[in-house]
Amino acid sequence: MQGYNQDEHYIDAMGKYLSGQWAEADSAFTALDEKYPGESFIKLLRGNIAYSRGELEDAVDRYNEAIEARPEFGNAYYKLGVCLYRMGRLKQALEAFQSVVNMGSQSHAMAQYFVGLIHLFLGEDHAAAEAFDGFHQSSPKSRIANFYLAQLKIKHKEFDEALQLLGELVDETPDFAEVHYMLGTVQYGLHNNTEAIKCFQRALDLNPEDERIKTKLTLLTDVQWP
């Protein structure tokens, strides 16, 4: 018996899927799912279609069916996590993303990012830092982990580590005002007031309406900033 991916109905369904004809693709893949009930990839695609149509509960059901058909299907866990995250079901999303991390699939890095972000939202700083550190190591060219790790380091007054993270980040995003504000906070925490003033001034140049920066500069210079 030919595989589902050689079935002319599958090829036609994929054409509709790739062109964003969601209603037609949904009907076509529903029929294929009935014809090939054990194929996890078809169930995944049905989940993607439901997600694209904003039918999130249905998407969750389809992703869970894909996982049931193939328990080590990392992409299905990842998609499930994204869907649950969007629905605000953070604990369940965390479980899905953690499953991806545990199996080390191709979505591993971004799953770590979401694990860190959810732990951060839940106020679980240590777990968030561990996840962001893992993301930082597995995707060294991505600087988004630097941003969140630096926030956590600043919160816990680990200023030397925050300074290194922000130094890497500012090289990549020199016009990101928030990074210069965070650098100013770190330099102030290290009692480098002259450097702190330079960082806050740069942040204010980039974001003149930020009242936080004006307050910091007034504190450091005794000058009232307009």
N, C-alpha and C. Protein backbone atom coordinates (compact mmCIF):
# COMPACT_ATOMS: atom_id res chain seq x y z
N MET A 1 0.85 -1.20 0.00
CA MET A 1 0.00 0.00 0.00
C MET A 1 0.88 1.25 0.00
N GLN A 2 0.56 2.20 -0.84
CA GLN A 2 1.35 3.43 -0.93
C GLN A 2 1.24 4.24 0.34
N GLY A 3 2.32 5.00 0.62
CA GLY A 3 2.29 5.88 1.77
C GLY A 3 1.38 7.07 1.53
N TYR A 4 0.94 7.69 2.62
CA TYR A 4 0.01 8.81 2.50
C TYR A 4 0.61 9.95 1.69
N ASN A 5 1.94 10.14 1.78
CA ASN A 5 2.56 11.27 1.09
C ASN A 5 2.68 11.06 -0.41
N GLN A 6 2.32 9.85 -0.88
CA GLN A 6 2.27 9.60 -2.32
C GLN A 6 0.83 9.60 -2.84
N ASP A 7 -0.09 9.76 -1.94
CA ASP A 7 -1.51 9.79 -2.31
C ASP A 7 -1.81 11.12 -3.00
N GLU A 8 -2.46 11.05 -4.15
CA GLU A 8 -2.76 12.27 -4.91
C GLU A 8 -3.66 13.22 -4.11
N HIS A 9 -4.47 12.67 -3.22
CA HIS A 9 -5.32 13.53 -2.39
C HIS A 9 -4.48 14.29 -1.36
N TYR A 10 -3.40 13.66 -0.88
CA TYR A 10 -2.49 14.34 0.03
C TYR A 10 -1.77 15.48 -0.69
N ILE A 11 -1.32 15.21 -1.90
CA ILE A 11 -0.62 16.24 -2.67
C ILE A 11 -1.55 17.42 -2.93
N ASP A 12 -2.79 17.13 -3.25
CA ASP A 12 -3.77 18.20 -3.48
C ASP A 12 -4.05 18.96 -2.18
N ALA A 13 -4.17 18.22 -1.07
CA ALA A 13 -4.43 18.85 0.23
C ALA A 13 -3.28 19.76 0.64
N MET A 14 -2.02 19.32 0.39
CA MET A 14 -0.87 20.13 0.73
C MET A 14 -0.83 21.41 -0.10
N GLY A 15 -1.26 21.32 -1.34
CA GLY A 15 -1.34 22.51 -2.18
C GLY A 15 -2.27 23.55 -1.58
N LYS A 16 -3.42 23.08 -1.10
CA LYS A 16 -4.38 23.98 -0.46
C LYS A 16 -3.81 24.53 0.85
N TYR A 17 -3.14 23.68 1.60
CA TYR A 17 -2.54 24.08 2.88
C TYR A 17 -1.49 25.17 2.67
N LEU A 18 -0.61 24.94 1.71
CA LEU A 18 0.49 25.88 1.47
C LEU A 18 0.01 27.20 0.89
N SER A 19 -1.14 27.19 0.25
CA SER A 19 -1.68 28.45 -0.30
C SER A 19 -2.65 29.14 0.67
N GLY A 20 -2.81 28.56 1.87
CA GLY A 20 -3.64 29.20 2.88
C GLY A 20 -5.13 29.06 2.66
N GLN A 21 -5.53 28.07 1.89
CA GLN A 21 -6.97 27.82 1.69
C GLN A 21 -7.43 26.90 2.83
N TRP A 22 -7.63 27.53 4.00
CA TRP A 22 -7.80 26.76 5.22
C TRP A 22 -9.04 25.88 5.23
N ALA A 23 -10.16 26.39 4.78
CA ALA A 23 -11.39 25.59 4.82
C ALA A 23 -11.25 24.36 3.92
N GLU A 24 -10.74 24.58 2.70
CA GLU A 24 -10.58 23.47 1.77
C GLU A 24 -9.53 22.48 2.27
N ALA A 25 -8.43 23.02 2.83
CA ALA A 25 -7.38 22.14 3.35
C ALA A 25 -7.89 21.34 4.53
N ASP A 26 -8.71 21.95 5.37
CA ASP A 26 -9.25 21.24 6.52
C ASP A 26 -10.11 20.07 6.08
N SER A 27 -10.97 20.30 5.11
CA SER A 27 -11.81 19.21 4.61
C SER A 27 -10.97 18.09 4.00
N ALA A 28 -9.94 18.48 3.25
CA ALA A 28 -9.10 17.49 2.59
C ALA A 28 -8.31 16.66 3.60
N PHE A 29 -7.75 17.32 4.61
CA PHE A 29 -6.95 16.58 5.59
C PHE A 29 -7.82 15.79 6.57
N THR A 30 -9.03 16.24 6.80
CA THR A 30 -9.96 15.45 7.61
C THR A 30 -10.24 14.12 6.93
N ALA A 31 -10.45 14.17 5.61
CA ALA A 31 -10.69 12.94 4.85
C ALA A 31 -9.45 12.04 4.87
N LEU A 32 -8.26 12.65 4.76
CA LEU A 32 -7.03 11.88 4.79
C LEU A 32 -6.80 11.26 6.17
N ASP A 33 -7.19 11.98 7.21
CA ASP A 33 -7.04 11.47 8.57
C ASP A 33 -7.89 10.22 8.78
N GLU A 34 -9.06 10.22 8.16
CA GLU A 34 -9.92 9.04 8.25
C GLU A 34 -9.33 7.87 7.46
N LYS A 35 -8.66 8.21 6.35
CA LYS A 35 -8.08 7.17 5.49
C LYS A 35 -6.79 6.62 6.09
N TYR A 36 -6.02 7.49 6.76
CA TYR A 36 -4.75 7.08 7.37
C TYR A 36 -4.77 7.46 8.86
N PRO A 37 -5.54 6.75 9.67
CA PRO A 37 -5.79 7.17 11.05
C PRO A 37 -4.56 7.14 11.96
N GLY A 38 -3.51 6.45 11.57
CA GLY A 38 -2.34 6.37 12.43
C GLY A 38 -1.25 7.36 12.09
N GLU A 39 -1.48 8.25 11.13
CA GLU A 39 -0.43 9.16 10.66
C GLU A 39 -0.41 10.45 11.50
N SER A 40 0.60 10.57 12.32
CA SER A 40 0.70 11.72 13.22
C SER A 40 0.89 13.03 12.47
N PHE A 41 1.59 13.01 11.34
CA PHE A 41 1.86 14.25 10.61
C PHE A 41 0.58 14.85 10.06
N ILE A 42 -0.34 14.03 9.63
CA ILE A 42 -1.62 14.54 9.14
C ILE A 42 -2.37 15.22 10.29
N LYS A 43 -2.34 14.62 11.45
CA LYS A 43 -3.00 15.21 12.62
C LYS A 43 -2.34 16.54 12.99
N LEU A 44 -1.01 16.59 12.87
CA LEU A 44 -0.30 17.83 13.13
C LEU A 44 -0.76 18.93 12.17
N LEU A 45 -0.85 18.60 10.91
CA LEU A 45 -1.29 19.58 9.92
C LEU A 45 -2.71 20.05 10.19
N ARG A 46 -3.56 19.13 10.62
CA ARG A 46 -4.93 19.52 10.99
C ARG A 46 -4.90 20.50 12.17
N GLY A 47 -3.98 20.26 13.11
CA GLY A 47 -3.82 21.20 14.21
C GLY A 47 -3.35 22.56 13.73
N ASN A 48 -2.38 22.57 12.81
CA ASN A 48 -1.89 23.83 12.27
C ASN A 48 -2.99 24.61 11.56
N ILE A 49 -3.83 23.89 10.85
CA ILE A 49 -4.94 24.54 10.15
C ILE A 49 -5.91 25.16 11.15
N ALA A 50 -6.27 24.39 12.17
CA ALA A 50 -7.18 24.92 13.19
C ALA A 50 -6.57 26.14 13.88
N TYR A 51 -5.27 26.07 14.18
CA TYR A 51 -4.58 27.20 14.82
C TYR A 51 -4.63 28.43 13.92
N SER A 52 -4.38 28.24 12.62
CA SER A 52 -4.39 29.35 11.68
C SER A 52 -5.78 29.97 11.53
N ARG A 53 -6.80 29.18 11.77
CA ARG A 53 -8.17 29.68 11.70
C ARG A 53 -8.66 30.25 13.03
N GLY A 54 -7.80 30.23 14.04
CA GLY A 54 -8.18 30.75 15.35
C GLY A 54 -9.01 29.79 16.17
N GLU A 55 -9.08 28.55 15.74
CA GLU A 55 -9.87 27.53 16.46
C GLU A 55 -8.93 26.78 17.41
N LEU A 56 -8.60 27.44 18.52
CA LEU A 56 -7.51 26.97 19.37
C LEU A 56 -7.85 25.68 20.12
N GLU A 57 -9.05 25.55 20.59
CA GLU A 57 -9.43 24.32 21.29
C GLU A 57 -9.33 23.12 20.35
N ASP A 58 -9.78 23.29 19.12
CA ASP A 58 -9.69 22.22 18.14
C ASP A 58 -8.23 21.92 17.83
N ALA A 59 -7.39 22.97 17.74
CA ALA A 59 -5.97 22.76 17.50
C ALA A 59 -5.34 21.93 18.61
N VAL A 60 -5.69 22.24 19.86
CA VAL A 60 -5.17 21.47 21.00
C VAL A 60 -5.55 20.00 20.87
N ASP A 61 -6.78 19.75 20.48
CA ASP A 61 -7.23 18.36 20.32
C ASP A 61 -6.42 17.64 19.24
N ARG A 62 -6.20 18.33 18.12
CA ARG A 62 -5.45 17.70 17.02
C ARG A 62 -3.99 17.44 17.40
N TYR A 63 -3.37 18.40 18.08
CA TYR A 63 -1.98 18.20 18.50
C TYR A 63 -1.87 17.04 19.49
N ASN A 64 -2.83 16.95 20.39
CA ASN A 64 -2.81 15.84 21.34
C ASN A 64 -3.01 14.49 20.63
N GLU A 65 -3.82 14.49 19.58
CA GLU A 65 -3.99 13.27 18.80
C GLU A 65 -2.68 12.88 18.10
N ALA A 66 -1.96 13.90 17.62
CA ALA A 66 -0.68 13.64 16.96
C ALA A 66 0.31 13.04 17.96
N ILE A 67 0.30 13.57 19.18
CA ILE A 67 1.20 13.06 20.22
C ILE A 67 0.81 11.64 20.62
N GLU A 68 -0.49 11.39 20.69
CA GLU A 68 -0.95 10.05 21.05
C GLU A 68 -0.52 9.03 19.99
N ALA A 69 -0.55 9.47 18.72
CA ALA A 69 -0.14 8.57 17.64
C ALA A 69 1.38 8.39 17.61
N ARG A 70 2.11 9.42 18.08
CA ARG A 70 3.58 9.36 18.05
C ARG A 70 4.11 10.07 19.29
N PRO A 71 4.29 9.37 20.38
CA PRO A 71 4.61 9.98 21.67
C PRO A 71 5.90 10.79 21.69
N GLU A 72 6.83 10.55 20.78
CA GLU A 72 8.09 11.31 20.74
C GLU A 72 8.06 12.37 19.65
N PHE A 73 6.89 12.86 19.31
CA PHE A 73 6.73 13.85 18.24
C PHE A 73 6.99 15.25 18.82
N GLY A 74 8.27 15.65 18.82
CA GLY A 74 8.65 16.91 19.43
C GLY A 74 7.96 18.11 18.83
N ASN A 75 7.77 18.13 17.51
CA ASN A 75 7.14 19.27 16.86
C ASN A 75 5.69 19.43 17.31
N ALA A 76 5.00 18.31 17.54
CA ALA A 76 3.62 18.37 18.00
C ALA A 76 3.55 18.95 19.41
N TYR A 77 4.48 18.53 20.27
CA TYR A 77 4.55 19.11 21.62
C TYR A 77 4.82 20.61 21.55
N TYR A 78 5.73 21.00 20.66
CA TYR A 78 6.07 22.42 20.54
C TYR A 78 4.86 23.23 20.07
N LYS A 79 4.19 22.74 19.04
CA LYS A 79 3.00 23.44 18.53
C LYS A 79 1.90 23.50 19.59
N LEU A 80 1.75 22.40 20.34
CA LEU A 80 0.78 22.38 21.43
C LEU A 80 1.13 23.45 22.46
N GLY A 81 2.42 23.55 22.79
CA GLY A 81 2.84 24.55 23.75
C GLY A 81 2.54 25.96 23.29
N VAL A 82 2.82 26.25 22.03
CA VAL A 82 2.54 27.59 21.48
C VAL A 82 1.06 27.89 21.55
N CYS A 83 0.24 26.93 21.21
CA CYS A 83 -1.21 27.10 21.23
C CYS A 83 -1.70 27.36 22.66
N LEU A 84 -1.25 26.55 23.61
CA LEU A 84 -1.66 26.72 25.00
C LEU A 84 -1.15 28.04 25.58
N TYR A 85 0.04 28.43 25.18
CA TYR A 85 0.61 29.72 25.63
C TYR A 85 -0.28 30.86 25.15
N ARG A 86 -0.68 30.80 23.90
CA ARG A 86 -1.56 31.83 23.34
C ARG A 86 -2.90 31.87 24.07
N MET A 87 -3.36 30.73 24.56
CA MET A 87 -4.63 30.65 25.27
C MET A 87 -4.50 31.07 26.74
N GLY A 88 -3.26 31.31 27.18
CA GLY A 88 -3.05 31.69 28.58
C GLY A 88 -3.02 30.53 29.54
N ARG A 89 -2.95 29.32 29.02
CA ARG A 89 -2.89 28.12 29.87
C ARG A 89 -1.42 27.79 30.12
N LEU A 90 -0.79 28.61 30.96
CA LEU A 90 0.66 28.62 31.08
C LEU A 90 1.23 27.34 31.66
N LYS A 91 0.60 26.79 32.66
CA LYS A 91 1.11 25.57 33.28
C LYS A 91 1.12 24.41 32.27
N GLN A 92 0.04 24.29 31.50
CA GLN A 92 -0.02 23.22 30.50
C GLN A 92 0.98 23.49 29.38
N ALA A 93 1.11 24.77 28.99
CA ALA A 93 2.09 25.12 27.96
C ALA A 93 3.50 24.78 28.43
N LEU A 94 3.77 25.07 29.69
CA LEU A 94 5.08 24.77 30.26
C LEU A 94 5.37 23.28 30.18
N GLU A 95 4.38 22.45 30.49
CA GLU A 95 4.57 21.00 30.41
C GLU A 95 4.90 20.56 28.98
N ALA A 96 4.20 21.17 28.01
CA ALA A 96 4.45 20.80 26.61
C ALA A 96 5.85 21.21 26.17
N PHE A 97 6.24 22.44 26.49
CA PHE A 97 7.57 22.90 26.09
C PHE A 97 8.66 22.13 26.81
N GLN A 98 8.43 21.80 28.09
CA GLN A 98 9.43 21.04 28.84
C GLN A 98 9.60 19.65 28.24
N SER A 99 8.53 19.09 27.71
CA SER A 99 8.63 17.79 27.04
C SER A 99 9.56 17.87 25.84
N VAL A 100 9.48 18.98 25.10
CA VAL A 100 10.36 19.15 23.95
C VAL A 100 11.82 19.25 24.41
N VAL A 101 12.04 20.05 25.46
CA VAL A 101 13.40 20.20 25.99
C VAL A 101 13.96 18.85 26.43
N ASN A 102 13.13 18.09 27.10
CA ASN A 102 13.58 16.79 27.63
C ASN A 102 13.97 15.82 26.53
N MET A 103 13.29 15.90 25.38
CA MET A 103 13.61 14.95 24.31
C MET A 103 14.65 15.51 23.35
N GLY A 104 15.03 16.80 23.51
CA GLY A 104 16.09 17.37 22.70
C GLY A 104 15.81 17.36 21.22
N SER A 105 14.60 17.69 20.82
CA SER A 105 14.24 17.67 19.40
C SER A 105 14.74 18.93 18.71
N GLN A 106 14.42 19.06 17.43
CA GLN A 106 14.90 20.19 16.64
C GLN A 106 14.31 21.52 17.11
N SER A 107 13.20 21.50 17.82
CA SER A 107 12.61 22.72 18.35
C SER A 107 13.14 23.05 19.75
N HIS A 108 14.21 22.37 20.14
CA HIS A 108 14.72 22.42 21.50
C HIS A 108 15.01 23.86 21.96
N ALA A 109 15.71 24.65 21.15
CA ALA A 109 16.14 25.98 21.58
C ALA A 109 14.96 26.88 21.88
N MET A 110 14.02 26.98 20.96
CA MET A 110 12.88 27.87 21.19
C MET A 110 11.98 27.35 22.30
N ALA A 111 11.94 26.04 22.49
CA ALA A 111 11.18 25.50 23.60
C ALA A 111 11.78 25.97 24.92
N GLN A 112 13.12 25.99 25.00
CA GLN A 112 13.79 26.50 26.19
C GLN A 112 13.44 27.96 26.43
N TYR A 113 13.37 28.72 25.36
CA TYR A 113 12.99 30.13 25.48
C TYR A 113 11.62 30.26 26.12
N PHE A 114 10.65 29.49 25.63
CA PHE A 114 9.30 29.56 26.18
C PHE A 114 9.26 29.06 27.62
N VAL A 115 10.03 28.03 27.93
CA VAL A 115 10.11 27.55 29.32
C VAL A 115 10.60 28.68 30.22
N GLY A 116 11.64 29.39 29.79
CA GLY A 116 12.14 30.51 30.57
C GLY A 116 11.12 31.61 30.72
N LEU A 117 10.45 31.94 29.62
CA LEU A 117 9.48 33.04 29.64
C LEU A 117 8.31 32.72 30.58
N ILE A 118 7.81 31.51 30.53
CA ILE A 118 6.68 31.13 31.39
C ILE A 118 7.11 31.14 32.86
N HIS A 119 8.27 30.57 33.15
CA HIS A 119 8.75 30.61 34.54
C HIS A 119 8.91 32.06 35.01
N LEU A 120 9.37 32.94 34.11
CA LEU A 120 9.51 34.35 34.46
C LEU A 120 8.16 34.97 34.79
N PHE A 121 7.16 34.68 33.97
CA PHE A 121 5.80 35.19 34.22
C PHE A 121 5.26 34.68 35.55
N LEU A 122 5.63 33.45 35.89
CA LEU A 122 5.12 32.83 37.12
C LEU A 122 5.94 33.22 38.35
N GLY A 123 6.96 34.05 38.15
CA GLY A 123 7.77 34.51 39.26
C GLY A 123 8.76 33.47 39.76
N GLU A 124 9.06 32.48 38.93
CA GLU A 124 9.98 31.41 39.31
C GLU A 124 11.35 31.72 38.71
N ASP A 125 12.07 32.64 39.36
CA ASP A 125 13.27 33.22 38.78
C ASP A 125 14.38 32.21 38.54
N HIS A 126 14.59 31.31 39.48
CA HIS A 126 15.70 30.36 39.33
C HIS A 126 15.47 29.45 38.13
N ALA A 127 14.27 28.93 37.99
CA ALA A 127 13.95 28.06 36.86
C ALA A 127 14.01 28.83 35.55
N ALA A 128 13.57 30.09 35.58
CA ALA A 128 13.64 30.94 34.38
C ALA A 128 15.08 31.14 33.96
N ALA A 129 15.94 31.44 34.93
CA ALA A 129 17.36 31.67 34.62
C ALA A 129 18.00 30.42 34.03
N GLU A 130 17.67 29.26 34.57
CA GLU A 130 18.23 28.01 34.04
C GLU A 130 17.81 27.79 32.58
N ALA A 131 16.54 28.06 32.29
CA ALA A 131 16.04 27.86 30.93
C ALA A 131 16.66 28.86 29.96
N PHE A 132 16.72 30.13 30.36
CA PHE A 132 17.31 31.14 29.49
C PHE A 132 18.80 30.88 29.28
N ASP A 133 19.46 30.38 30.32
CA ASP A 133 20.88 30.05 30.17
C ASP A 133 21.06 28.91 29.18
N GLY A 134 20.18 27.93 29.23
CA GLY A 134 20.22 26.84 28.25
C GLY A 134 19.97 27.35 26.85
N PHE A 135 19.02 28.26 26.70
CA PHE A 135 18.72 28.86 25.40
C PHE A 135 19.92 29.66 24.90
N HIS A 136 20.56 30.38 25.81
CA HIS A 136 21.73 31.19 25.49
C HIS A 136 22.87 30.30 24.98
N GLN A 137 23.05 29.15 25.59
CA GLN A 137 24.12 28.25 25.19
C GLN A 137 23.82 27.53 23.88
N SER A 138 22.56 27.15 23.68
CA SER A 138 22.20 26.40 22.48
C SER A 138 22.02 27.31 21.26
N SER A 139 21.75 28.59 21.49
CA SER A 139 21.60 29.56 20.39
C SER A 139 22.45 30.79 20.69
N PRO A 140 23.77 30.65 20.65
CA PRO A 140 24.64 31.75 21.06
C PRO A 140 24.53 33.00 20.19
N LYS A 141 24.04 32.86 18.97
CA LYS A 141 23.92 34.03 18.10
C LYS A 141 22.64 34.81 18.36
N SER A 142 21.72 34.20 19.08
CA SER A 142 20.48 34.89 19.44
C SER A 142 20.71 35.63 20.75
N ARG A 143 20.32 36.90 20.79
CA ARG A 143 20.57 37.73 21.97
C ARG A 143 19.34 37.94 22.85
N ILE A 144 18.23 37.34 22.48
CA ILE A 144 17.03 37.55 23.27
C ILE A 144 17.19 36.98 24.68
N ALA A 145 17.95 35.88 24.80
CA ALA A 145 18.19 35.31 26.12
C ALA A 145 18.99 36.27 26.99
N ASN A 146 19.92 37.02 26.36
CA ASN A 146 20.71 38.00 27.11
C ASN A 146 19.81 38.99 27.82
N PHE A 147 18.77 39.43 27.13
CA PHE A 147 17.88 40.45 27.67
C PHE A 147 17.20 39.96 28.94
N TYR A 148 16.62 38.77 28.87
CA TYR A 148 15.89 38.26 30.03
C TYR A 148 16.83 37.82 31.15
N LEU A 149 17.96 37.22 30.78
CA LEU A 149 18.94 36.84 31.79
C LEU A 149 19.47 38.08 32.52
N ALA A 150 19.74 39.13 31.77
CA ALA A 150 20.23 40.36 32.40
C ALA A 150 19.18 40.94 33.35
N GLN A 151 17.91 40.90 32.97
CA GLN A 151 16.85 41.37 33.87
C GLN A 151 16.90 40.61 35.20
N LEU A 152 17.04 39.29 35.10
CA LEU A 152 17.08 38.47 36.31
C LEU A 152 18.33 38.75 37.13
N LYS A 153 19.47 38.92 36.46
CA LYS A 153 20.70 39.21 37.18
C LYS A 153 20.60 40.56 37.90
N ILE A 154 20.02 41.55 37.25
CA ILE A 154 19.84 42.86 37.88
C ILE A 154 18.92 42.75 39.09
N LYS A 155 17.84 42.01 38.94
CA LYS A 155 16.88 41.84 40.02
C LYS A 155 17.55 41.25 41.25
N HIS A 156 18.49 40.36 41.04
CA HIS A 156 19.17 39.69 42.15
C HIS A 156 20.54 40.30 42.44
N LYS A 157 20.78 41.49 41.88
CA LYS A 157 21.99 42.28 42.14
C LYS A 157 23.28 41.55 41.76
N GLU A 158 23.19 40.73 40.72
CA GLU A 158 24.38 40.06 40.19
C GLU A 158 24.88 40.91 39.02
N PHE A 159 25.43 42.06 39.35
CA PHE A 159 25.69 43.09 38.36
C PHE A 159 26.83 42.74 37.40
N ASP A 160 27.86 42.07 37.87
CA ASP A 160 28.97 41.72 36.98
C ASP A 160 28.50 40.80 35.85
N GLU A 161 27.68 39.81 36.19
CA GLU A 161 27.16 38.90 35.17
C GLU A 161 26.22 39.62 34.22
N ALA A 162 25.41 40.52 34.77
CA ALA A 162 24.49 41.30 33.93
C ALA A 162 25.26 42.18 32.96
N LEU A 163 26.37 42.74 33.43
CA LEU A 163 27.18 43.63 32.58
C LEU A 163 27.71 42.88 31.36
N GLN A 164 28.16 41.67 31.55
CA GLN A 164 28.68 40.88 30.43
C GLN A 164 27.56 40.58 29.42
N LEU A 165 26.41 40.17 29.92
CA LEU A 165 25.27 39.86 29.05
C LEU A 165 24.83 41.08 28.25
N LEU A 166 24.77 42.22 28.92
CA LEU A 166 24.32 43.45 28.25
C LEU A 166 25.38 43.96 27.28
N GLY A 167 26.65 43.72 27.58
CA GLY A 167 27.70 44.10 26.65
C GLY A 167 27.56 43.38 25.32
N GLU A 168 27.24 42.09 25.38
CA GLU A 168 27.00 41.33 24.15
C GLU A 168 25.77 41.85 23.43
N LEU A 169 24.75 42.19 24.20
CA LEU A 169 23.49 42.62 23.60
C LEU A 169 23.61 43.99 22.95
N VAL A 170 24.31 44.91 23.59
CA VAL A 170 24.40 46.27 23.05
C VAL A 170 25.21 46.29 21.76
N ASP A 171 26.15 45.35 21.61
CA ASP A 171 26.90 45.26 20.35
C ASP A 171 25.98 44.93 19.18
N GLU A 172 24.96 44.11 19.45
CA GLU A 172 24.03 43.70 18.40
C GLU A 172 22.89 44.69 18.21
N THR A 173 22.49 45.37 19.28
CA THR A 173 21.34 46.29 19.22
C THR A 173 21.73 47.63 19.83
N PRO A 174 22.61 48.38 19.18
CA PRO A 174 23.12 49.63 19.78
C PRO A 174 22.07 50.72 19.95
N ASP A 175 20.94 50.61 19.27
CA ASP A 175 19.91 51.65 19.36
C ASP A 175 18.69 51.21 20.17
N PHE A 176 18.86 50.19 20.98
CA PHE A 176 17.78 49.69 21.83
C PHE A 176 17.87 50.43 23.17
N ALA A 177 16.97 51.38 23.39
CA ALA A 177 17.05 52.26 24.56
C ALA A 177 17.03 51.48 25.87
N GLU A 178 16.22 50.43 25.93
CA GLU A 178 16.07 49.68 27.17
C GLU A 178 17.39 49.03 27.60
N VAL A 179 18.19 48.62 26.63
CA VAL A 179 19.48 48.02 26.96
C VAL A 179 20.40 49.04 27.61
N HIS A 180 20.40 50.26 27.10
CA HIS A 180 21.23 51.31 27.70
C HIS A 180 20.71 51.69 29.09
N TYR A 181 19.40 51.66 29.26
CA TYR A 181 18.83 51.91 30.59
C TYR A 181 19.28 50.81 31.57
N MET A 182 19.24 49.57 31.12
CA MET A 182 19.67 48.47 31.98
C MET A 182 21.17 48.57 32.28
N LEU A 183 21.95 48.96 31.27
CA LEU A 183 23.38 49.16 31.50
C LEU A 183 23.63 50.25 32.54
N GLY A 184 22.84 51.31 32.46
CA GLY A 184 22.96 52.37 33.46
C GLY A 184 22.65 51.86 34.85
N THR A 185 21.63 51.04 34.96
CA THR A 185 21.25 50.46 36.25
C THR A 185 22.38 49.58 36.80
N VAL A 186 22.99 48.80 35.92
CA VAL A 186 24.10 47.93 36.32
C VAL A 186 25.30 48.76 36.77
N GLN A 187 25.66 49.77 35.98
CA GLN A 187 26.81 50.60 36.34
C GLN A 187 26.56 51.33 37.67
N TYR A 188 25.34 51.76 37.90
CA TYR A 188 25.00 52.39 39.17
C TYR A 188 25.14 51.37 40.31
N GLY A 189 24.69 50.15 40.05
CA GLY A 189 24.81 49.10 41.07
C GLY A 189 26.25 48.76 41.38
N LEU A 190 27.14 48.96 40.39
CA LEU A 190 28.57 48.72 40.59
C LEU A 190 29.29 49.97 41.09
N HIS A 191 28.54 51.02 41.36
CA HIS A 191 29.05 52.29 41.88
C HIS A 191 29.92 53.02 40.85
N ASN A 192 29.67 52.73 39.57
CA ASN A 192 30.36 53.44 38.49
C ASN A 192 29.44 54.56 37.99
N ASN A 193 29.31 55.62 38.78
CA ASN A 193 28.30 56.62 38.51
C ASN A 193 28.54 57.37 37.21
N THR A 194 29.78 57.63 36.87
CA THR A 194 30.07 58.34 35.62
C THR A 194 29.60 57.52 34.42
N GLU A 195 29.90 56.22 34.43
CA GLU A 195 29.45 55.34 33.35
C GLU A 195 27.93 55.22 33.36
N ALA A 196 27.34 55.19 34.54
CA ALA A 196 25.88 55.10 34.64
C ALA A 196 25.23 56.31 33.98
N ILE A 197 25.76 57.49 34.24
CA ILE A 197 25.21 58.71 33.64
C ILE A 197 25.30 58.64 32.13
N LYS A 198 26.43 58.17 31.58
CA LYS A 198 26.58 58.06 30.13
C LYS A 198 25.53 57.11 29.55
N CYS A 199 25.33 56.00 30.22
CA CYS A 199 24.34 55.02 29.73
C CYS A 199 22.94 55.59 29.78
N PHE A 200 22.58 56.25 30.88
CA PHE A 200 21.24 56.83 30.99
C PHE A 200 21.04 57.96 29.98
N GLN A 201 22.07 58.74 29.73
CA GLN A 201 21.96 59.80 28.74
C GLN A 201 21.73 59.23 27.34
N ARG A 202 22.45 58.14 27.03
CA ARG A 202 22.25 57.48 25.74
C ARG A 202 20.82 56.94 25.64
N ALA A 203 20.35 56.34 26.71
CA ALA A 203 18.97 55.81 26.72
C ALA A 203 17.97 56.93 26.51
N LEU A 204 18.22 58.09 27.14
CA LEU A 204 17.29 59.22 27.00
C LEU A 204 17.34 59.79 25.59
N ASP A 205 18.51 59.80 24.97
CA ASP A 205 18.60 60.25 23.58
C ASP A 205 17.73 59.39 22.68
N LEU A 206 17.72 58.10 22.95
CA LEU A 206 16.95 57.17 22.13
C LEU A 206 15.47 57.16 22.47
N ASN A 207 15.15 57.48 23.72
CA ASN A 207 13.75 57.47 24.17
C ASN A 207 13.49 58.66 25.08
N PRO A 208 13.32 59.85 24.49
CA PRO A 208 13.23 61.09 25.28
C PRO A 208 12.02 61.18 26.21
N GLU A 209 11.04 60.32 26.03
CA GLU A 209 9.82 60.41 26.84
C GLU A 209 9.85 59.49 28.07
N ASP A 210 10.92 58.76 28.26
CA ASP A 210 10.97 57.78 29.35
C ASP A 210 11.26 58.48 30.68
N GLU A 211 10.24 58.53 31.53
CA GLU A 211 10.37 59.23 32.81
C GLU A 211 11.30 58.51 33.77
N ARG A 212 11.44 57.20 33.63
CA ARG A 212 12.36 56.46 34.49
C ARG A 212 13.79 56.96 34.33
N ILE A 213 14.16 57.19 33.07
CA ILE A 213 15.53 57.62 32.78
C ILE A 213 15.77 59.02 33.36
N LYS A 214 14.79 59.89 33.20
CA LYS A 214 14.93 61.25 33.72
C LYS A 214 15.10 61.22 35.24
N THR A 215 14.35 60.36 35.90
CA THR A 215 14.45 60.24 37.36
C THR A 215 15.84 59.77 37.77
N LYS A 216 16.37 58.78 37.05
CA LYS A 216 17.71 58.28 37.37
C LYS A 216 18.76 59.37 37.17
N LEU A 217 18.65 60.12 36.09
CA LEU A 217 19.63 61.16 35.81
C LEU A 217 19.54 62.28 36.84
N THR A 218 18.34 62.62 37.25
CA THR A 218 18.18 63.64 38.29
C THR A 218 18.82 63.19 39.59
N LEU A 219 18.64 61.91 39.92
CA LEU A 219 19.24 61.36 41.13
C LEU A 219 20.76 61.45 41.09
N LEU A 220 21.34 61.20 39.92
CA LEU A 220 22.79 61.13 39.78
C LEU A 220 23.45 62.49 39.56
N THR A 221 22.71 63.43 38.99
CA THR A 221 23.34 64.70 38.60
C THR A 221 22.79 65.91 39.35
N ASP A 222 21.69 65.71 40.11
CA ASP A 222 21.03 66.82 40.79
C ASP A 222 20.52 67.87 39.81
N VAL A 223 20.33 67.44 38.57
CA VAL A 223 19.76 68.32 37.54
C VAL A 223 18.38 67.80 37.18
N GLN A 224 17.40 68.70 37.16
CA GLN A 224 16.03 68.30 36.81
C GLN A 224 15.92 68.17 35.30
N TRP A 225 15.63 66.96 34.84
CA TRP A 225 15.56 66.73 33.39
C TRP A 225 14.14 66.97 32.90
N PRO A 226 13.99 67.75 31.82
CA PRO A 226 12.65 68.11 31.32
C PRO A 226 11.93 66.91 30.73
